[in-house]
């Protein structure tokens, strides 16, 4: 059995074990995110605080703020062939700004338009100056809908990716740099069933540079939560993406951990902190290294702003 198959089996085994615990603790559909206030549940709300499409737990490119320590095989970082393990820090800064929501009939339901932006960066901790390796910049406009645990997200977004200066100036053979950028339209459909959430959809890239970027992406996943009755809950997720660039070879990401919430005062959203074990196997999600296969295990601290 190959490394990719072993990683997938490990992730699925964690989810199966977690599902038994989650099902025993909660029989109602869980709510994720910071929650929508009852005062904003119906009617037109300008500049809403909250989201109605729950952020994806295990997608490494979901806009969020986080800091992760990862250990694994990263081609083109310390070892061009990815034969030796390396340690990197992966950090992100992301947030969503609500434009308008038409809410109702229940809190957390309706249709909402947002603007989202994020920066994802990786640093080589094996280098004397912890070199910046790659940075991905994304900005998008998602339109979301939610009703009775069913939700949809349609998002138009732009991404551009850049290598770090210190990484480019490393001695040795010249480093090939791609002027990588694209626009994409994404459609995801999600359904919550008690402690379980499943989602799936597709993505289409256009105005791609370079042209070798894959144009079609299929995206799906599974999440489990132990419930929202308490401030602390267990959660886990598996996210899978396939693209025509790699002959539909999957990129599999798994996360498992604990979420701690602090409710906000009246009229203000709450705050969430997540401590997650992270696993990944497949084509790299880091823009400049999109042609490489990587694998890692690590731990990350994730925040809602």
C-alpha atoms as a PDB file:
ATOM      1  CA  UNK A   1       0.000   0.000   0.000  1.00  0.00           C
ATOM      2  CA  UNK A   2       1.431   3.397  -1.011  1.00  0.00           C
ATOM      3  CA  UNK A   3       1.921   6.437   1.214  1.00  0.00           C
ATOM      4  CA  UNK A   4      -1.139   8.160  -0.249  1.00  0.00           C
ATOM      5  CA  UNK A   5      -3.371   5.161   0.474  1.00  0.00           C
ATOM      6  CA  UNK A   6      -2.005   4.854   4.013  1.00  0.00           C
ATOM      7  CA  UNK A   7      -2.698   8.556   4.704  1.00  0.00           C
ATOM      8  CA  UNK A   8      -6.241   8.245   3.388  1.00  0.00           C
ATOM      9  CA  UNK A   9      -6.916   5.151   5.526  1.00  0.00           C
ATOM     10  CA  UNK A  10      -5.565   6.906   8.647  1.00  0.00           C
ATOM     11  CA  UNK A  11      -7.744   9.964   8.069  1.00  0.00           C
ATOM     12  CA  UNK A  12     -10.875   7.890   7.437  1.00  0.00           C
ATOM     13  CA  UNK A  13     -10.182   5.749  10.513  1.00  0.00           C
ATOM     14  CA  UNK A  14      -9.964   8.880  12.670  1.00  0.00           C
ATOM     15  CA  UNK A  15     -13.286  10.104  11.289  1.00  0.00           C
ATOM     16  CA  UNK A  16     -15.043   6.771  11.892  1.00  0.00           C
ATOM     17  CA  UNK A  17     -13.813   6.700  15.499  1.00  0.00           C
ATOM     18  CA  UNK A  18     -14.840  10.309  15.992  1.00  0.00           C
ATOM     19  CA  UNK A  19     -18.288   9.753  14.442  1.00  0.00           C
ATOM     20  CA  UNK A  20     -19.237   7.283  17.188  1.00  0.00           C
ATOM     21  CA  UNK A  21     -18.428   9.850  19.882  1.00  0.00           C
ATOM     22  CA  UNK A  22     -20.104  12.710  18.041  1.00  0.00           C
ATOM     23  CA  UNK A  23     -23.316  10.788  17.384  1.00  0.00           C
ATOM     24  CA  UNK A  24     -23.568   9.869  21.048  1.00  0.00           C
ATOM     25  CA  UNK A  25     -23.192  13.499  22.160  1.00  0.00           C
ATOM     26  CA  UNK A  26     -25.538  15.302  19.778  1.00  0.00           C
ATOM     27  CA  UNK A  27     -28.800  14.481  18.047  1.00  0.00           C
ATOM     28  CA  UNK A  28     -29.468  17.926  16.594  1.00  0.00           C
ATOM     29  CA  UNK A  29     -27.971  19.575  13.538  1.00  0.00           C
ATOM     30  CA  UNK A  30     -24.863  21.457  14.656  1.00  0.00           C
ATOM     31  CA  UNK A  31     -24.220  25.092  13.830  1.00  0.00           C
ATOM     32  CA  UNK A  32     -20.761  26.210  12.912  1.00  0.00           C
ATOM     33  CA  UNK A  33     -19.212  29.649  12.704  1.00  0.00           C
ATOM     34  CA  UNK A  34     -20.060  32.392  15.176  1.00  0.00           C
ATOM     35  CA  UNK A  35     -23.859  32.204  14.853  1.00  0.00           C
ATOM     36  CA  UNK A  36     -26.447  34.689  13.650  1.00  0.00           C
ATOM     37  CA  UNK A  37     -28.128  36.874  16.285  1.00  0.00           C
ATOM     38  CA  UNK A  38     -31.893  36.619  16.678  1.00  0.00           C
ATOM     39  CA  UNK A  39     -32.226  40.377  16.165  1.00  0.00           C
ATOM     40  CA  UNK A  40     -30.749  39.949  12.649  1.00  0.00           C
ATOM     41  CA  UNK A  41     -32.627  36.747  11.789  1.00  0.00           C
ATOM     42  CA  UNK A  42     -35.213  38.205   9.420  1.00  0.00           C
ATOM     43  CA  UNK A  43     -35.493  41.017   6.917  1.00  0.00           C
ATOM     44  CA  UNK A  44     -32.718  42.888   5.146  1.00  0.00           C
ATOM     45  CA  UNK A  45     -29.552  43.324   7.219  1.00  0.00           C
ATOM     46  CA  UNK A  46     -26.795  45.541   5.870  1.00  0.00           C
ATOM     47  CA  UNK A  47     -23.199  44.686   6.781  1.00  0.00           C
ATOM     48  CA  UNK A  48     -24.067  41.554   8.822  1.00  0.00           C
ATOM     49  CA  UNK A  49     -21.532  40.268  11.329  1.00  0.00           C
ATOM     50  CA  UNK A  50     -21.880  36.581  10.599  1.00  0.00           C
ATOM     51  CA  UNK A  51     -21.797  33.992   7.816  1.00  0.00           C
ATOM     52  CA  UNK A  52     -24.521  31.514   6.887  1.00  0.00           C
ATOM     53  CA  UNK A  53     -22.309  29.081   4.940  1.00  0.00           C
ATOM     54  CA  UNK A  54     -20.138  27.261   7.464  1.00  0.00           C
ATOM     55  CA  UNK A  55     -16.379  27.530   6.713  1.00  0.00           C
ATOM     56  CA  UNK A  56     -14.820  24.225   5.644  1.00  0.00           C
ATOM     57  CA  UNK A  57     -12.760  22.581   8.383  1.00  0.00           C
ATOM     58  CA  UNK A  58     -10.183  20.686   6.317  1.00  0.00           C
ATOM     59  CA  UNK A  59      -9.760  22.732   3.106  1.00  0.00           C
ATOM     60  CA  UNK A  60      -6.217  24.228   3.266  1.00  0.00           C
ATOM     61  CA  UNK A  61      -7.322  27.159   1.068  1.00  0.00           C
ATOM     62  CA  UNK A  62     -10.441  28.130   3.035  1.00  0.00           C
ATOM     63  CA  UNK A  63     -10.071  31.847   3.987  1.00  0.00           C
ATOM     64  CA  UNK A  64      -9.166  31.901   7.691  1.00  0.00           C
ATOM     65  CA  UNK A  65      -6.502  33.052  10.122  1.00  0.00           C
ATOM     66  CA  UNK A  66      -4.161  30.348  11.405  1.00  0.00           C
ATOM     67  CA  UNK A  67      -0.603  29.299  12.214  1.00  0.00           C
ATOM     68  CA  UNK A  68       0.507  25.688  11.619  1.00  0.00           C
ATOM     69  CA  UNK A  69       3.738  23.754  12.136  1.00  0.00           C
ATOM     70  CA  UNK A  70       4.113  21.076   9.441  1.00  0.00           C
ATOM     71  CA  UNK A  71       6.610  18.255   9.015  1.00  0.00           C
ATOM     72  CA  UNK A  72       6.782  16.326   5.770  1.00  0.00           C
ATOM     73  CA  UNK A  73       8.145  16.021   2.258  1.00  0.00           C
ATOM     74  CA  UNK A  74       7.943  19.290   0.340  1.00  0.00           C
ATOM     75  CA  UNK A  75       9.493  19.202  -3.106  1.00  0.00           C
ATOM     76  CA  UNK A  76      11.427  22.320  -4.121  1.00  0.00           C
ATOM     77  CA  UNK A  77      11.847  23.547  -0.549  1.00  0.00           C
ATOM     78  CA  UNK A  78      15.003  22.131   1.100  1.00  0.00           C
ATOM     79  CA  UNK A  79      15.219  19.189  -1.280  1.00  0.00           C
ATOM     80  CA  UNK A  80      14.239  19.580  -4.962  1.00  0.00           C
ATOM     81  CA  UNK A  81      13.232  15.908  -5.124  1.00  0.00           C
ATOM     82  CA  UNK A  82      11.338  15.869  -1.853  1.00  0.00           C
ATOM     83  CA  UNK A  83      13.341  12.894  -0.604  1.00  0.00           C
ATOM     84  CA  UNK A  84      14.030  14.227   2.909  1.00  0.00           C
ATOM     85  CA  UNK A  85      11.607  15.530   5.513  1.00  0.00           C
ATOM     86  CA  UNK A  86      11.455  19.291   6.050  1.00  0.00           C
ATOM     87  CA  UNK A  87       9.733  21.509   8.596  1.00  0.00           C
ATOM     88  CA  UNK A  88       7.764  24.553   7.494  1.00  0.00           C
ATOM     89  CA  UNK A  89       5.465  27.076   9.108  1.00  0.00           C
ATOM     90  CA  UNK A  90       2.220  27.679   7.251  1.00  0.00           C
ATOM     91  CA  UNK A  91       0.312  30.819   8.193  1.00  0.00           C
ATOM     92  CA  UNK A  92      -2.821  32.500   6.942  1.00  0.00           C
ATOM     93  CA  UNK A  93      -4.664  35.744   7.482  1.00  0.00           C
ATOM     94  CA  UNK A  94      -8.238  35.773   6.193  1.00  0.00           C
ATOM     95  CA  UNK A  95     -11.593  37.288   6.933  1.00  0.00           C
ATOM     96  CA  UNK A  96     -15.083  37.798   5.521  1.00  0.00           C
ATOM     97  CA  UNK A  97     -16.987  41.094   5.386  1.00  0.00           C
ATOM     98  CA  UNK A  98     -20.745  40.873   5.045  1.00  0.00           C
ATOM     99  CA  UNK A  99     -22.388  43.210   2.536  1.00  0.00           C
ATOM    100  CA  UNK A 100     -26.066  42.335   2.850  1.00  0.00           C
ATOM    101  CA  UNK A 101     -28.234  39.476   4.096  1.00  0.00           C
ATOM    102  CA  UNK A 102     -31.904  38.765   3.422  1.00  0.00           C
ATOM    103  CA  UNK A 103     -32.608  36.677   6.493  1.00  0.00           C
ATOM    104  CA  UNK A 104     -35.291  34.298   7.650  1.00  0.00           C
ATOM    105  CA  UNK A 105     -37.460  32.680   8.545  1.00  0.00           C
ATOM    106  CA  UNK A 106     -35.125  31.310  11.261  1.00  0.00           C
ATOM    107  CA  UNK A 107     -31.846  32.650  12.636  1.00  0.00           C
ATOM    108  CA  UNK A 108     -28.901  31.690  10.451  1.00  0.00           C
ATOM    109  CA  UNK A 109     -30.993  31.235   7.312  1.00  0.00           C
ATOM    110  CA  UNK A 110     -31.519  33.288   4.179  1.00  0.00           C
ATOM    111  CA  UNK A 111     -29.263  34.638   1.429  1.00  0.00           C
ATOM    112  CA  UNK A 112     -26.085  36.669   1.937  1.00  0.00           C
ATOM    113  CA  UNK A 113     -23.455  38.486  -0.128  1.00  0.00           C
ATOM    114  CA  UNK A 114     -19.913  38.836   1.265  1.00  0.00           C
ATOM    115  CA  UNK A 115     -16.425  39.932   0.301  1.00  0.00           C
ATOM    116  CA  UNK A 116     -13.615  37.600   1.440  1.00  0.00           C
ATOM    117  CA  UNK A 117      -9.844  37.888   1.291  1.00  0.00           C
ATOM    118  CA  UNK A 118      -6.916  35.835   2.518  1.00  0.00           C
ATOM    119  CA  UNK A 119      -3.134  35.499   2.410  1.00  0.00           C
ATOM    120  CA  UNK A 120      -1.524  32.041   2.724  1.00  0.00           C
ATOM    121  CA  UNK A 121       2.247  31.943   3.281  1.00  0.00           C
ATOM    122  CA  UNK A 122       4.835  29.230   3.971  1.00  0.00           C
ATOM    123  CA  UNK A 123       8.214  29.660   5.671  1.00  0.00           C
ATOM    124  CA  UNK A 124      11.186  27.262   5.592  1.00  0.00           C
ATOM    125  CA  UNK A 125      12.147  26.741   9.242  1.00  0.00           C
ATOM    126  CA  UNK A 126      15.275  24.856   8.171  1.00  0.00           C
ATOM    127  CA  UNK A 127      16.806  28.016   6.699  1.00  0.00           C
ATOM    128  CA  UNK A 128      18.860  30.405   8.881  1.00  0.00           C
ATOM    129  CA  UNK A 129      16.430  33.266   8.297  1.00  0.00           C
ATOM    130  CA  UNK A 130      13.227  31.165   8.060  1.00  0.00           C
ATOM    131  CA  UNK A 131      12.884  32.077   4.380  1.00  0.00           C
ATOM    132  CA  UNK A 132       9.488  32.946   2.937  1.00  0.00           C
ATOM    133  CA  UNK A 133       8.879  30.244   0.335  1.00  0.00           C
ATOM    134  CA  UNK A 134       5.548  31.080  -1.262  1.00  0.00           C
ATOM    135  CA  UNK A 135       2.615  33.429  -0.713  1.00  0.00           C
ATOM    136  CA  UNK A 136      -0.877  33.043  -2.201  1.00  0.00           C
ATOM    137  CA  UNK A 137      -3.224  36.041  -2.278  1.00  0.00           C
ATOM    138  CA  UNK A 138      -6.945  35.504  -2.767  1.00  0.00           C
ATOM    139  CA  UNK A 139      -9.943  37.828  -2.922  1.00  0.00           C
ATOM    140  CA  UNK A 140     -13.484  36.788  -3.753  1.00  0.00           C
ATOM    141  CA  UNK A 141     -17.189  37.548  -3.680  1.00  0.00           C
ATOM    142  CA  UNK A 142     -19.309  34.653  -2.356  1.00  0.00           C
ATOM    143  CA  UNK A 143     -23.107  34.503  -2.583  1.00  0.00           C
ATOM    144  CA  UNK A 144     -24.488  32.066  -0.013  1.00  0.00           C
ATOM    145  CA  UNK A 145     -27.880  30.545   0.822  1.00  0.00           C
ATOM    146  CA  UNK A 146     -29.017  28.480   3.810  1.00  0.00           C
ATOM    147  CA  UNK A 147     -32.264  26.724   4.788  1.00  0.00           C
ATOM    148  CA  UNK A 148     -32.869  23.857   7.249  1.00  0.00           C
ATOM    149  CA  UNK A 149     -29.251  22.682   7.324  1.00  0.00           C
ATOM    150  CA  UNK A 150     -28.911  22.872   3.534  1.00  0.00           C
ATOM    151  CA  UNK A 151     -26.551  25.549   2.207  1.00  0.00           C
ATOM    152  CA  UNK A 152     -25.009  26.678  -1.077  1.00  0.00           C
ATOM    153  CA  UNK A 153     -21.972  28.835  -1.826  1.00  0.00           C
ATOM    154  CA  UNK A 154     -21.278  30.327  -5.257  1.00  0.00           C
ATOM    155  CA  UNK A 155     -18.006  32.255  -5.269  1.00  0.00           C
ATOM    156  CA  UNK A 156     -16.079  34.200  -7.870  1.00  0.00           C
ATOM    157  CA  UNK A 157     -12.482  34.745  -6.784  1.00  0.00           C
ATOM    158  CA  UNK A 158      -8.966  35.680  -7.902  1.00  0.00           C
ATOM    159  CA  UNK A 159      -5.658  34.148  -6.792  1.00  0.00           C
ATOM    160  CA  UNK A 160      -2.084  35.209  -7.452  1.00  0.00           C
ATOM    161  CA  UNK A 161       1.026  33.471  -6.097  1.00  0.00           C
ATOM    162  CA  UNK A 162       4.604  34.677  -5.528  1.00  0.00           C
ATOM    163  CA  UNK A 163       7.910  33.195  -4.390  1.00  0.00           C
ATOM    164  CA  UNK A 164       9.779  34.802  -1.486  1.00  0.00           C
ATOM    165  CA  UNK A 165      12.838  36.952  -2.278  1.00  0.00           C
ATOM    166  CA  UNK A 166      15.145  35.025   0.067  1.00  0.00           C
ATOM    167  CA  UNK A 167      14.063  31.765  -1.493  1.00  0.00           C
ATOM    168  CA  UNK A 168      14.744  33.091  -5.003  1.00  0.00           C
ATOM    169  CA  UNK A 169      18.250  34.250  -3.985  1.00  0.00           C
ATOM    170  CA  UNK A 170      19.362  30.892  -2.633  1.00  0.00           C
ATOM    171  CA  UNK A 171      22.663  29.632  -4.056  1.00  0.00           C
ATOM    172  CA  UNK A 172      22.640  26.832  -6.583  1.00  0.00           C
ATOM    173  CA  UNK A 173      20.703  26.269  -9.762  1.00  0.00           C
ATOM    174  CA  UNK A 174      18.317  29.082 -10.767  1.00  0.00           C
ATOM    175  CA  UNK A 175      14.814  28.582  -9.431  1.00  0.00           C
ATOM    176  CA  UNK A 176      12.036  28.452 -11.988  1.00  0.00           C
ATOM    177  CA  UNK A 177       9.399  31.046 -11.144  1.00  0.00           C
ATOM    178  CA  UNK A 178       5.870  31.004 -12.521  1.00  0.00           C
ATOM    179  CA  UNK A 179       3.800  34.145 -13.008  1.00  0.00           C
ATOM    180  CA  UNK A 180       0.854  32.288 -11.503  1.00  0.00           C
ATOM    181  CA  UNK A 181      -2.603  33.848 -11.338  1.00  0.00           C
ATOM    182  CA  UNK A 182      -6.154  32.910 -12.240  1.00  0.00           C
ATOM    183  CA  UNK A 183      -9.812  33.650 -11.726  1.00  0.00           C
ATOM    184  CA  UNK A 184     -12.245  30.926 -10.746  1.00  0.00           C
ATOM    185  CA  UNK A 185     -15.944  30.317 -10.200  1.00  0.00           C
ATOM    186  CA  UNK A 186     -16.771  27.818  -7.452  1.00  0.00           C
ATOM    187  CA  UNK A 187     -20.071  26.156  -6.555  1.00  0.00           C
ATOM    188  CA  UNK A 188     -20.417  24.100  -3.364  1.00  0.00           C
ATOM    189  CA  UNK A 189     -23.531  22.425  -1.939  1.00  0.00           C
ATOM    190  CA  UNK A 190     -23.632  21.383   1.727  1.00  0.00           C
ATOM    191  CA  UNK A 191     -26.029  19.383   3.899  1.00  0.00           C
ATOM    192  CA  UNK A 192     -25.931  18.927   7.682  1.00  0.00           C
ATOM    193  CA  UNK A 193     -27.445  15.742   9.150  1.00  0.00           C
ATOM    194  CA  UNK A 194     -27.137  15.725  12.928  1.00  0.00           C
ATOM    195  CA  UNK A 195     -23.422  15.716  13.787  1.00  0.00           C
ATOM    196  CA  UNK A 196     -22.471  14.993  10.144  1.00  0.00           C
ATOM    197  CA  UNK A 197     -21.971  17.465   7.325  1.00  0.00           C
ATOM    198  CA  UNK A 198     -21.315  16.474   3.719  1.00  0.00           C
ATOM    199  CA  UNK A 199     -20.476  18.832   0.875  1.00  0.00           C
ATOM    200  CA  UNK A 200     -19.494  18.686  -2.753  1.00  0.00           C
ATOM    201  CA  UNK A 201     -19.217  20.757  -5.865  1.00  0.00           C
ATOM    202  CA  UNK A 202     -17.075  21.917  -8.720  1.00  0.00           C
ATOM    203  CA  UNK A 203     -14.800  24.746  -9.747  1.00  0.00           C
ATOM    204  CA  UNK A 204     -13.848  26.196 -13.121  1.00  0.00           C
ATOM    205  CA  UNK A 205     -10.643  28.188 -13.598  1.00  0.00           C
ATOM    206  CA  UNK A 206     -10.417  30.782 -16.360  1.00  0.00           C
ATOM    207  CA  UNK A 207      -7.856  33.386 -17.485  1.00  0.00           C
ATOM    208  CA  UNK A 208      -5.229  30.954 -16.247  1.00  0.00           C
ATOM    209  CA  UNK A 209      -1.524  31.825 -16.200  1.00  0.00           C
ATOM    210  CA  UNK A 210       0.310  29.603 -16.953  1.00  0.00           C
ATOM    211  CA  UNK A 211      -1.942  27.676 -19.328  1.00  0.00           C
ATOM    212  CA  UNK A 212      -0.784  24.394 -17.771  1.00  0.00           C
ATOM    213  CA  UNK A 213      -2.952  25.052 -14.714  1.00  0.00           C
ATOM    214  CA  UNK A 214      -5.882  22.666 -14.512  1.00  0.00           C
ATOM    215  CA  UNK A 215      -9.185  24.164 -15.629  1.00  0.00           C
ATOM    216  CA  UNK A 216     -11.598  21.790 -13.885  1.00  0.00           C
ATOM    217  CA  UNK A 217     -11.747  20.919 -10.182  1.00  0.00           C
ATOM    218  CA  UNK A 218     -14.092  18.601  -8.298  1.00  0.00           C
ATOM    219  CA  UNK A 219     -14.307  19.229  -4.567  1.00  0.00           C
ATOM    220  CA  UNK A 220     -15.988  17.275  -1.756  1.00  0.00           C
ATOM    221  CA  UNK A 221     -15.721  16.446   1.895  1.00  0.00           C
ATOM    222  CA  UNK A 222     -17.136  15.182   5.163  1.00  0.00           C
ATOM    223  CA  UNK A 223     -17.224  16.876   8.581  1.00  0.00           C
ATOM    224  CA  UNK A 224     -18.217  15.725  12.062  1.00  0.00           C
ATOM    225  CA  UNK A 225     -19.009  17.856  15.110  1.00  0.00           C
ATOM    226  CA  UNK A 226     -19.934  16.884  18.660  1.00  0.00           C
ATOM    227  CA  UNK A 227     -22.535  19.675  18.912  1.00  0.00           C
ATOM    228  CA  UNK A 228     -22.911  23.359  19.756  1.00  0.00           C
ATOM    229  CA  UNK A 229     -24.597  22.977  23.157  1.00  0.00           C
ATOM    230  CA  UNK A 230     -21.334  23.739  24.980  1.00  0.00           C
ATOM    231  CA  UNK A 231     -18.546  26.222  24.437  1.00  0.00           C
ATOM    232  CA  UNK A 232     -16.126  23.389  23.647  1.00  0.00           C
ATOM    233  CA  UNK A 233     -16.658  20.750  20.976  1.00  0.00           C
ATOM    234  CA  UNK A 234     -14.731  18.100  19.092  1.00  0.00           C
ATOM    235  CA  UNK A 235     -14.597  18.309  15.316  1.00  0.00           C
ATOM    236  CA  UNK A 236     -12.996  16.541  12.368  1.00  0.00           C
ATOM    237  CA  UNK A 237     -13.042  16.763   8.606  1.00  0.00           C
ATOM    238  CA  UNK A 238     -11.749  15.257   5.382  1.00  0.00           C
ATOM    239  CA  UNK A 239     -11.489  17.400   2.234  1.00  0.00           C
ATOM    240  CA  UNK A 240     -10.735  15.969  -1.227  1.00  0.00           C
ATOM    241  CA  UNK A 241      -9.978  17.854  -4.454  1.00  0.00           C
ATOM    242  CA  UNK A 242      -9.290  16.403  -7.881  1.00  0.00           C
ATOM    243  CA  UNK A 243      -8.317  18.237 -11.058  1.00  0.00           C
ATOM    244  CA  UNK A 244      -7.740  17.411 -14.693  1.00  0.00           C
ATOM    245  CA  UNK A 245      -4.130  18.637 -14.387  1.00  0.00           C
ATOM    246  CA  UNK A 246      -3.187  15.505 -12.381  1.00  0.00           C
ATOM    247  CA  UNK A 247      -5.485  13.048 -14.199  1.00  0.00           C
ATOM    248  CA  UNK A 248      -7.927  13.391 -11.264  1.00  0.00           C
ATOM    249  CA  UNK A 249      -5.384  12.188  -8.706  1.00  0.00           C
ATOM    250  CA  UNK A 250      -6.832  13.306  -5.318  1.00  0.00           C
ATOM    251  CA  UNK A 251      -5.405  15.848  -2.907  1.00  0.00           C
ATOM    252  CA  UNK A 252      -6.593  14.656   0.515  1.00  0.00           C
ATOM    253  CA  UNK A 253      -6.563  16.863   3.609  1.00  0.00           C
ATOM    254  CA  UNK A 254      -7.642  15.709   7.068  1.00  0.00           C
ATOM    255  CA  UNK A 255      -8.035  17.633  10.314  1.00  0.00           C
ATOM    256  CA  UNK A 256      -9.061  16.558  13.815  1.00  0.00           C
ATOM    257  CA  UNK A 257      -9.198  18.567  17.011  1.00  0.00           C
ATOM    258  CA  UNK A 258     -11.049  20.768  19.449  1.00  0.00           C
ATOM    259  CA  UNK A 259     -12.917  24.061  19.075  1.00  0.00           C
ATOM    260  CA  UNK A 260     -13.374  26.550  21.918  1.00  0.00           C
ATOM    261  CA  UNK A 261     -15.966  29.298  21.522  1.00  0.00           C
ATOM    262  CA  UNK A 262     -16.492  32.531  23.416  1.00  0.00           C
ATOM    263  CA  UNK A 263     -19.971  34.013  22.886  1.00  0.00           C
ATOM    264  CA  UNK A 264     -20.029  37.689  21.972  1.00  0.00           C
ATOM    265  CA  UNK A 265     -21.959  40.373  23.802  1.00  0.00           C
ATOM    266  CA  UNK A 266     -25.294  41.538  22.413  1.00  0.00           C
ATOM    267  CA  UNK A 267     -24.945  42.661  18.811  1.00  0.00           C
ATOM    268  CA  UNK A 268     -21.434  41.255  18.387  1.00  0.00           C
ATOM    269  CA  UNK A 269     -20.239  37.937  16.946  1.00  0.00           C
ATOM    270  CA  UNK A 270     -18.497  35.386  19.090  1.00  0.00           C
ATOM    271  CA  UNK A 271     -14.918  34.197  18.783  1.00  0.00           C
ATOM    272  CA  UNK A 272     -13.665  30.708  17.959  1.00  0.00           C
ATOM    273  CA  UNK A 273     -10.254  29.100  18.516  1.00  0.00           C
ATOM    274  CA  UNK A 274      -9.474  25.680  17.003  1.00  0.00           C
ATOM    275  CA  UNK A 275      -6.527  23.401  17.802  1.00  0.00           C
ATOM    276  CA  UNK A 276      -6.200  20.863  14.980  1.00  0.00           C
ATOM    277  CA  UNK A 277      -4.054  17.893  14.017  1.00  0.00           C
ATOM    278  CA  UNK A 278      -3.453  18.223  10.257  1.00  0.00           C
ATOM    279  CA  UNK A 279      -2.582  15.638   7.576  1.00  0.00           C
ATOM    280  CA  UNK A 280      -2.168  16.108   3.845  1.00  0.00           C
ATOM    281  CA  UNK A 281      -1.243  13.946   0.851  1.00  0.00           C
ATOM    282  CA  UNK A 282      -1.370  14.853  -2.835  1.00  0.00           C
ATOM    283  CA  UNK A 283      -0.724  17.720  -5.258  1.00  0.00           C
ATOM    284  CA  UNK A 284       0.524  20.823  -3.464  1.00  0.00           C
ATOM    285  CA  UNK A 285      -2.034  23.523  -2.556  1.00  0.00           C
ATOM    286  CA  UNK A 286       0.774  26.128  -2.548  1.00  0.00           C
ATOM    287  CA  UNK A 287       0.515  28.157  -5.756  1.00  0.00           C
ATOM    288  CA  UNK A 288       4.089  28.270  -7.041  1.00  0.00           C
ATOM    289  CA  UNK A 289       4.507  24.530  -6.402  1.00  0.00           C
ATOM    290  CA  UNK A 290       1.278  23.410  -8.035  1.00  0.00           C
ATOM    291  CA  UNK A 291       3.115  20.731 -10.057  1.00  0.00           C
ATOM    292  CA  UNK A 292       4.610  19.018  -6.979  1.00  0.00           C
ATOM    293  CA  UNK A 293       3.297  16.195  -4.804  1.00  0.00           C
ATOM    294  CA  UNK A 294       3.696  16.763  -1.063  1.00  0.00           C
ATOM    295  CA  UNK A 295       2.742  15.056   2.195  1.00  0.00           C
ATOM    296  CA  UNK A 296       2.824  16.308   5.767  1.00  0.00           C
ATOM    297  CA  UNK A 297       1.552  15.960   9.301  1.00  0.00           C
ATOM    298  CA  UNK A 298       1.351  18.864  11.698  1.00  0.00           C
ATOM    299  CA  UNK A 299      -0.570  20.883  14.238  1.00  0.00           C
ATOM    300  CA  UNK A 300      -2.301  24.204  13.776  1.00  0.00           C
ATOM    301  CA  UNK A 301      -4.032  26.950  15.759  1.00  0.00           C
ATOM    302  CA  UNK A 302      -6.951  28.514  13.850  1.00  0.00           C
ATOM    303  CA  UNK A 303      -8.940  31.641  14.742  1.00  0.00           C
ATOM    304  CA  UNK A 304     -12.120  33.433  13.752  1.00  0.00           C
ATOM    305  CA  UNK A 305     -11.646  37.217  13.615  1.00  0.00           C
END
